[in-house]
Amino acid sequence: MTSSARRRIAAAVVGTLFVVAAVTGAVYALLRDLSTVRSSLRSISVPYALAAAALAVASVAMLAERWRATLTTLGANASRAEVRRWFMAGQIGKYVPGGVWHVVGQGELARRSGIDRRVAYSSVLLSTAALLGGATVIVIGGRAIGADVSVPWWVIAVGLLAGAVALVPPVRSRLVARLDDGSAGTRLTAARLAALTVGSVPVWLVIGVSTWCVAEALGAPVDARTVVVGAVASWLVGIATIPAPGGIGAREAVLVALLDDTLGTATATLVALVSRLVFVAADVACFVVARRGVSVAARRAASSTASD
């Protein structure tokens, strides 16, 4: 067995353990206060639930747009429709244990469509680093906007470390060296990387508001600013927890910990789980649409080739 195969198996095992631990902890928390859980589910607000779903789908489209902005920064030319198809088709890979399959999926689809391999793969990593940097901006600014949530220092440290991948000069220089085609050095400036980071802030606000809509749908009385900052902090940790597929377990644990004092463990757990289901459904829906788009594009290309 090769070393790469062993690493894949180890990643799958660790990822599976993350999922098992998360499910076990969530079930235990819900069973401890089953009456509260039942009451919340019986009185769920359909309008808020639909709003949460719509915002989740919108956030996926916005994430695709942030990747497109990164590709453009690196000098790649691709239409918005193409990038959305690549992104949404590859996005489902984040649920595979190991934490790198969405990078492989998105990067490979872009490469097969004519984007330089180095740019295609590096753009996914760079976009992720910029997103984590944007999440950190919201988490740090949480107090300034009146959020009643105390985010642990280590969560902020995770975001700053990830953001450093994009912004610290030595790291940026190494990335430039990998991408160098004669003009990468002029494209990958600190100002443009900072713009990518700041540009991701609206995405996180939409994700946070979607999570707040979930809380409102379940009748959980909590301030919107608190949920937004808590949700963004949980995503930050979830993305950075590479072995966990889709951040499963890590994301929910952080959100529950941050909302526990306000909502109680059972309600906070329910909000975290329902929010997870909403975003998984959004990813799956966008994946189905993307697959259809890829099929249509392939048929058109084949038809065009045949006619020539």
Protein backbone atom coordinates (compact mmCIF):
# COMPACT_ATOMS: atom_id res chain seq x y z
CA MET A 1 0.00 0.00 0.00
CA THR A 2 1.39 3.38 -0.99
CA SER A 3 1.87 6.24 1.47
CA SER A 4 -0.77 8.32 -0.32
CA ALA A 5 -3.28 5.46 0.02
CA ARG A 6 -2.50 5.19 3.72
CA ARG A 7 -3.03 8.91 4.13
CA ARG A 8 -6.38 8.71 2.37
CA ILE A 9 -7.47 5.84 4.62
CA ALA A 10 -6.30 7.68 7.73
CA ALA A 11 -8.18 10.81 6.65
CA ALA A 12 -11.33 8.78 6.02
CA VAL A 13 -11.08 7.13 9.45
CA VAL A 14 -10.51 10.42 11.28
CA GLY A 15 -13.32 12.10 9.35
CA THR A 16 -15.69 9.25 10.14
CA LEU A 17 -14.80 9.48 13.83
CA PHE A 18 -15.60 13.21 13.73
CA VAL A 19 -19.04 12.48 12.28
CA VAL A 20 -19.78 9.66 14.76
CA ALA A 21 -18.73 11.82 17.72
CA ALA A 22 -20.80 14.75 16.47
CA VAL A 23 -23.93 12.67 15.92
CA THR A 24 -23.56 10.96 19.31
CA GLY A 25 -23.15 14.26 21.15
CA ALA A 26 -26.04 15.90 19.32
CA VAL A 27 -28.42 13.00 19.99
CA TYR A 28 -27.48 13.00 23.67
CA ALA A 29 -28.06 16.77 23.96
CA LEU A 30 -31.47 16.54 22.25
CA LEU A 31 -32.64 13.56 24.31
CA ARG A 32 -31.85 15.39 27.54
CA ASP A 33 -34.57 17.94 26.81
CA LEU A 34 -36.81 16.17 24.33
CA SER A 35 -39.93 18.13 25.30
CA THR A 36 -38.29 21.43 24.29
CA VAL A 37 -37.14 19.93 21.00
CA ARG A 38 -40.61 18.61 20.19
CA SER A 39 -42.20 21.95 21.02
CA SER A 40 -39.79 23.81 18.74
CA LEU A 41 -40.36 21.42 15.84
CA ARG A 42 -44.15 21.50 16.20
CA SER A 43 -44.31 25.28 16.08
CA ILE A 44 -41.74 25.82 13.33
CA SER A 45 -42.26 29.00 11.31
CA VAL A 46 -42.49 28.15 7.61
CA PRO A 47 -41.71 31.70 6.35
CA TYR A 48 -38.50 31.86 8.38
CA ALA A 49 -37.57 28.32 7.32
CA LEU A 50 -38.02 29.24 3.64
CA ALA A 51 -36.01 32.42 4.15
CA ALA A 52 -33.19 30.39 5.73
CA ALA A 53 -33.17 28.02 2.75
CA ALA A 54 -33.22 30.84 0.19
CA LEU A 55 -30.34 32.62 1.92
CA ALA A 56 -28.35 29.38 2.10
CA VAL A 57 -28.70 28.88 -1.66
CA ALA A 58 -27.76 32.53 -2.21
CA SER A 59 -24.65 32.05 -0.07
CA VAL A 60 -23.48 29.16 -2.28
CA ALA A 61 -23.82 31.40 -5.35
CA MET A 62 -21.92 34.15 -3.54
CA LEU A 63 -19.14 31.74 -2.56
CA ALA A 64 -18.82 30.77 -6.22
CA GLU A 65 -18.54 34.45 -7.09
CA ARG A 66 -15.71 34.89 -4.57
CA TRP A 67 -13.83 32.04 -6.24
CA ARG A 68 -14.39 33.70 -9.61
CA ALA A 69 -12.95 36.92 -8.19
CA THR A 70 -9.88 34.96 -7.09
CA LEU A 71 -9.49 33.37 -10.51
CA THR A 72 -9.73 36.82 -12.09
CA THR A 73 -7.09 38.15 -9.70
CA LEU A 74 -4.78 35.36 -10.86
CA GLY A 75 -5.38 36.27 -14.49
CA ALA A 76 -7.78 33.46 -15.45
CA ASN A 77 -10.71 34.25 -17.70
CA ALA A 78 -13.95 32.37 -17.12
CA SER A 79 -17.61 33.32 -17.32
CA ARG A 80 -19.80 33.54 -14.25
CA ALA A 81 -21.91 30.61 -15.49
CA GLU A 82 -18.82 28.41 -15.99
CA VAL A 83 -17.39 29.16 -12.56
CA ARG A 84 -20.72 28.48 -10.87
CA ARG A 85 -20.94 25.10 -12.57
CA TRP A 86 -17.39 24.18 -11.52
CA PHE A 87 -17.87 25.45 -7.99
CA MET A 88 -21.24 23.84 -7.31
CA ALA A 89 -20.21 20.53 -8.84
CA GLY A 90 -17.02 20.48 -6.78
CA GLN A 91 -18.61 21.81 -3.60
CA ILE A 92 -20.16 18.48 -2.75
CA GLY A 93 -16.65 17.08 -2.34
CA LYS A 94 -16.25 18.83 1.00
CA TYR A 95 -18.48 16.18 2.56
CA VAL A 96 -15.96 13.46 1.70
CA PRO A 97 -13.64 12.70 4.66
CA GLY A 98 -10.21 14.20 4.20
CA GLY A 99 -11.12 17.84 3.66
CA VAL A 100 -9.42 18.35 0.29
CA TRP A 101 -11.84 16.87 -2.21
CA HIS A 102 -13.66 20.11 -2.92
CA VAL A 103 -10.26 21.57 -3.85
CA VAL A 104 -9.62 18.64 -6.17
CA GLY A 105 -13.13 18.77 -7.65
CA GLN A 106 -13.25 22.51 -8.32
CA GLY A 107 -9.64 22.75 -9.39
CA GLU A 108 -9.89 19.79 -11.75
CA LEU A 109 -13.10 21.01 -13.38
CA ALA A 110 -11.48 24.39 -13.97
CA ARG A 111 -8.34 22.75 -15.37
CA ARG A 112 -10.31 20.58 -17.76
CA SER A 113 -12.04 23.70 -19.03
CA GLY A 114 -8.77 25.35 -19.99
CA ILE A 115 -7.60 27.10 -16.81
CA ASP A 116 -3.90 26.64 -16.05
CA ARG A 117 -3.51 23.80 -13.54
CA ARG A 118 -1.45 25.83 -11.08
CA VAL A 119 -3.94 28.68 -11.16
CA ALA A 120 -6.97 26.38 -10.94
CA TYR A 121 -5.86 24.56 -7.80
CA SER A 122 -4.15 27.48 -6.07
CA SER A 123 -7.20 29.68 -6.63
CA VAL A 124 -9.36 27.36 -4.52
CA LEU A 125 -6.88 27.47 -1.63
CA LEU A 126 -6.38 31.21 -1.94
CA SER A 127 -10.13 31.82 -2.06
CA THR A 128 -10.58 29.72 1.09
CA ALA A 129 -7.87 31.67 2.91
CA ALA A 130 -9.51 34.97 1.91
CA LEU A 131 -12.89 33.68 3.11
CA LEU A 132 -11.46 32.72 6.48
CA GLY A 133 -9.88 36.16 6.71
CA GLY A 134 -13.26 37.75 6.02
CA ALA A 135 -14.88 35.59 8.68
CA THR A 136 -12.29 36.76 11.17
CA VAL A 137 -13.15 40.39 10.38
CA ILE A 138 -16.76 39.74 11.44
CA VAL A 139 -15.78 37.75 14.52
CA ILE A 140 -13.36 40.43 15.71
CA GLY A 141 -15.92 43.15 14.98
CA GLY A 142 -18.68 41.28 16.78
CA ARG A 143 -18.46 43.35 19.93
CA ALA A 144 -18.48 46.54 17.92
CA ILE A 145 -21.87 45.69 16.42
CA GLY A 146 -23.33 44.71 19.80
CA ALA A 147 -23.20 40.93 19.56
CA ASP A 148 -23.69 39.29 22.95
CA VAL A 149 -21.27 36.43 22.37
CA SER A 150 -17.76 35.87 23.64
CA VAL A 151 -15.73 34.19 20.93
CA PRO A 152 -12.69 32.35 22.34
CA TRP A 153 -9.30 33.78 21.43
CA TRP A 154 -8.25 30.55 19.72
CA VAL A 155 -11.09 30.87 17.20
CA ILE A 156 -9.78 34.30 16.22
CA ALA A 157 -6.25 32.87 16.09
CA VAL A 158 -7.44 30.20 13.62
CA GLY A 159 -8.85 32.89 11.33
CA LEU A 160 -5.77 35.08 11.56
CA LEU A 161 -3.52 32.12 10.80
CA ALA A 162 -5.60 31.16 7.76
CA GLY A 163 -5.76 34.74 6.56
CA ALA A 164 -2.00 34.96 6.86
CA VAL A 165 -1.74 32.37 4.10
CA ALA A 166 -2.99 35.04 1.74
CA LEU A 167 -1.57 38.19 3.24
CA VAL A 168 1.82 37.51 4.86
CA PRO A 169 4.55 38.58 2.39
CA PRO A 170 6.78 35.45 2.65
CA VAL A 171 3.82 33.15 2.08
CA ARG A 172 2.56 35.32 -0.75
CA SER A 173 6.01 35.25 -2.34
CA ARG A 174 6.05 31.45 -2.35
CA LEU A 175 2.59 31.39 -3.90
CA VAL A 176 3.72 33.85 -6.55
CA ALA A 177 6.68 31.59 -7.31
CA ARG A 178 4.33 28.65 -7.85
CA LEU A 179 2.08 30.67 -10.11
CA ASP A 180 4.74 32.65 -11.87
CA ASP A 181 4.14 33.00 -15.59
CA GLY A 182 5.74 36.40 -15.90
CA SER A 183 2.87 38.47 -14.52
CA ALA A 184 1.69 36.68 -11.36
CA GLY A 185 3.85 38.90 -9.19
CA THR A 186 2.05 42.01 -10.38
CA ARG A 187 -1.40 40.45 -10.01
CA LEU A 188 -1.01 38.95 -6.54
CA THR A 189 -0.46 42.18 -4.61
CA ALA A 190 -1.32 42.69 -0.95
CA ALA A 191 -3.98 45.22 -1.91
CA ARG A 192 -5.76 42.77 -4.19
CA LEU A 193 -5.55 39.99 -1.61
CA ALA A 194 -6.97 42.34 1.01
CA ALA A 195 -9.77 43.18 -1.42
CA LEU A 196 -10.57 39.48 -1.77
CA THR A 197 -10.71 39.17 2.02
CA VAL A 198 -12.96 42.19 2.54
CA GLY A 199 -15.09 41.13 -0.43
CA SER A 200 -16.00 37.92 1.37
CA VAL A 201 -17.62 39.72 4.31
CA PRO A 202 -21.09 39.99 2.65
CA VAL A 203 -21.07 36.22 2.11
CA TRP A 204 -20.62 35.63 5.81
CA LEU A 205 -23.37 38.06 6.68
CA VAL A 206 -25.79 36.11 4.45
CA ILE A 207 -24.70 32.83 6.06
CA GLY A 208 -25.14 34.33 9.51
CA VAL A 209 -28.59 35.73 8.74
CA SER A 210 -29.64 32.35 7.33
CA THR A 211 -28.67 30.75 10.65
CA TRP A 212 -30.63 33.44 12.52
CA CYS A 213 -33.66 32.63 10.36
CA VAL A 214 -33.31 29.01 11.46
CA ALA A 215 -33.32 30.11 15.09
CA GLU A 216 -36.41 32.26 14.48
CA ALA A 217 -38.12 29.40 12.65
CA LEU A 218 -37.60 27.22 15.72
CA GLY A 219 -38.88 29.92 18.06
CA ALA A 220 -35.47 30.49 19.65
CA PRO A 221 -35.36 34.01 21.14
CA VAL A 222 -31.89 35.32 20.37
CA ASP A 223 -30.51 38.58 19.02
CA ALA A 224 -29.65 38.47 15.30
CA ARG A 225 -26.19 39.96 15.83
CA THR A 226 -25.34 37.27 18.36
CA VAL A 227 -26.36 34.46 16.01
CA VAL A 228 -24.56 36.00 13.03
CA VAL A 229 -21.23 36.30 14.87
CA GLY A 230 -21.65 32.87 16.48
CA ALA A 231 -22.48 31.25 13.15
CA VAL A 232 -19.52 32.85 11.38
CA ALA A 233 -17.18 31.77 14.18
CA SER A 234 -18.49 28.21 13.91
CA TRP A 235 -17.95 28.14 10.15
CA LEU A 236 -14.45 29.53 10.59
CA VAL A 237 -13.51 26.63 12.86
CA GLY A 238 -15.38 24.12 10.72
CA ILE A 239 -13.52 25.06 7.53
CA ALA A 240 -10.18 25.00 9.32
CA THR A 241 -10.88 21.53 10.80
CA ILE A 242 -9.60 19.70 7.73
CA PRO A 243 -10.26 16.04 8.75
CA ALA A 244 -13.96 16.72 9.43
CA PRO A 245 -15.99 16.37 6.20
CA GLY A 246 -17.71 19.71 5.70
CA GLY A 247 -16.63 20.72 9.19
CA ILE A 248 -19.23 18.33 10.63
CA GLY A 249 -18.99 18.22 14.40
CA ALA A 250 -16.56 21.10 14.80
CA ARG A 251 -18.97 23.68 13.40
CA GLU A 252 -21.91 22.47 15.45
CA ALA A 253 -19.87 22.21 18.65
CA VAL A 254 -18.68 25.81 18.40
CA LEU A 255 -22.15 27.19 17.61
CA VAL A 256 -23.73 25.29 20.50
CA ALA A 257 -21.02 26.49 22.88
CA LEU A 258 -21.54 30.11 21.84
CA LEU A 259 -25.35 30.01 22.05
CA ASP A 260 -25.65 27.71 25.06
CA ASP A 261 -25.94 30.48 27.66
CA THR A 262 -28.69 32.22 25.68
CA LEU A 263 -30.74 29.29 24.37
CA GLY A 264 -29.82 26.30 26.47
CA THR A 265 -28.00 23.23 25.21
CA ALA A 266 -30.95 21.43 23.61
CA THR A 267 -32.26 24.44 21.68
CA ALA A 268 -28.77 25.55 20.63
CA THR A 269 -28.06 22.00 19.40
CA LEU A 270 -31.32 21.94 17.46
CA VAL A 271 -30.49 25.28 15.81
CA ALA A 272 -27.03 23.99 14.86
CA LEU A 273 -28.38 20.73 13.41
CA VAL A 274 -31.24 22.28 11.45
CA SER A 275 -28.89 24.94 10.12
CA ARG A 276 -26.53 22.18 8.99
CA LEU A 277 -29.40 20.41 7.19
CA VAL A 278 -30.40 23.65 5.48
CA PHE A 279 -26.90 24.25 4.12
CA VAL A 280 -26.45 20.62 3.09
CA ALA A 281 -29.76 20.84 1.19
CA ALA A 282 -28.54 24.05 -0.47
CA ASP A 283 -25.28 22.38 -1.52
CA VAL A 284 -27.13 19.35 -2.90
CA ALA A 285 -29.66 21.52 -4.78
CA CYS A 286 -26.88 23.60 -6.32
CA PHE A 287 -24.93 20.44 -7.16
CA VAL A 288 -27.95 19.01 -9.04
CA VAL A 289 -28.33 22.27 -10.96
CA ALA A 290 -24.59 22.32 -11.71
CA ARG A 291 -24.61 18.73 -12.95
CA ARG A 292 -27.46 19.55 -15.28
CA GLY A 293 -25.55 22.60 -16.50
CA VAL A 294 -22.41 20.53 -17.13
CA SER A 295 -24.45 17.97 -19.08
CA VAL A 296 -26.09 20.65 -21.19
CA ALA A 297 -22.70 22.28 -21.88
CA ALA A 298 -21.21 18.91 -22.87
CA ARG A 299 -24.08 18.19 -25.27
CA ARG A 300 -23.72 21.62 -26.86
CA ALA A 301 -19.98 21.13 -27.27
CA ALA A 302 -20.50 17.69 -28.82
CA SER A 303 -23.16 19.08 -31.14
CA SER A 304 -20.89 21.93 -32.17
CA THR A 305 -18.01 19.53 -32.86
CA ALA A 306 -20.25 17.24 -34.92
CA SER A 307 -21.55 20.13 -37.00
CA ASP A 308 -17.99 21.23 -37.77
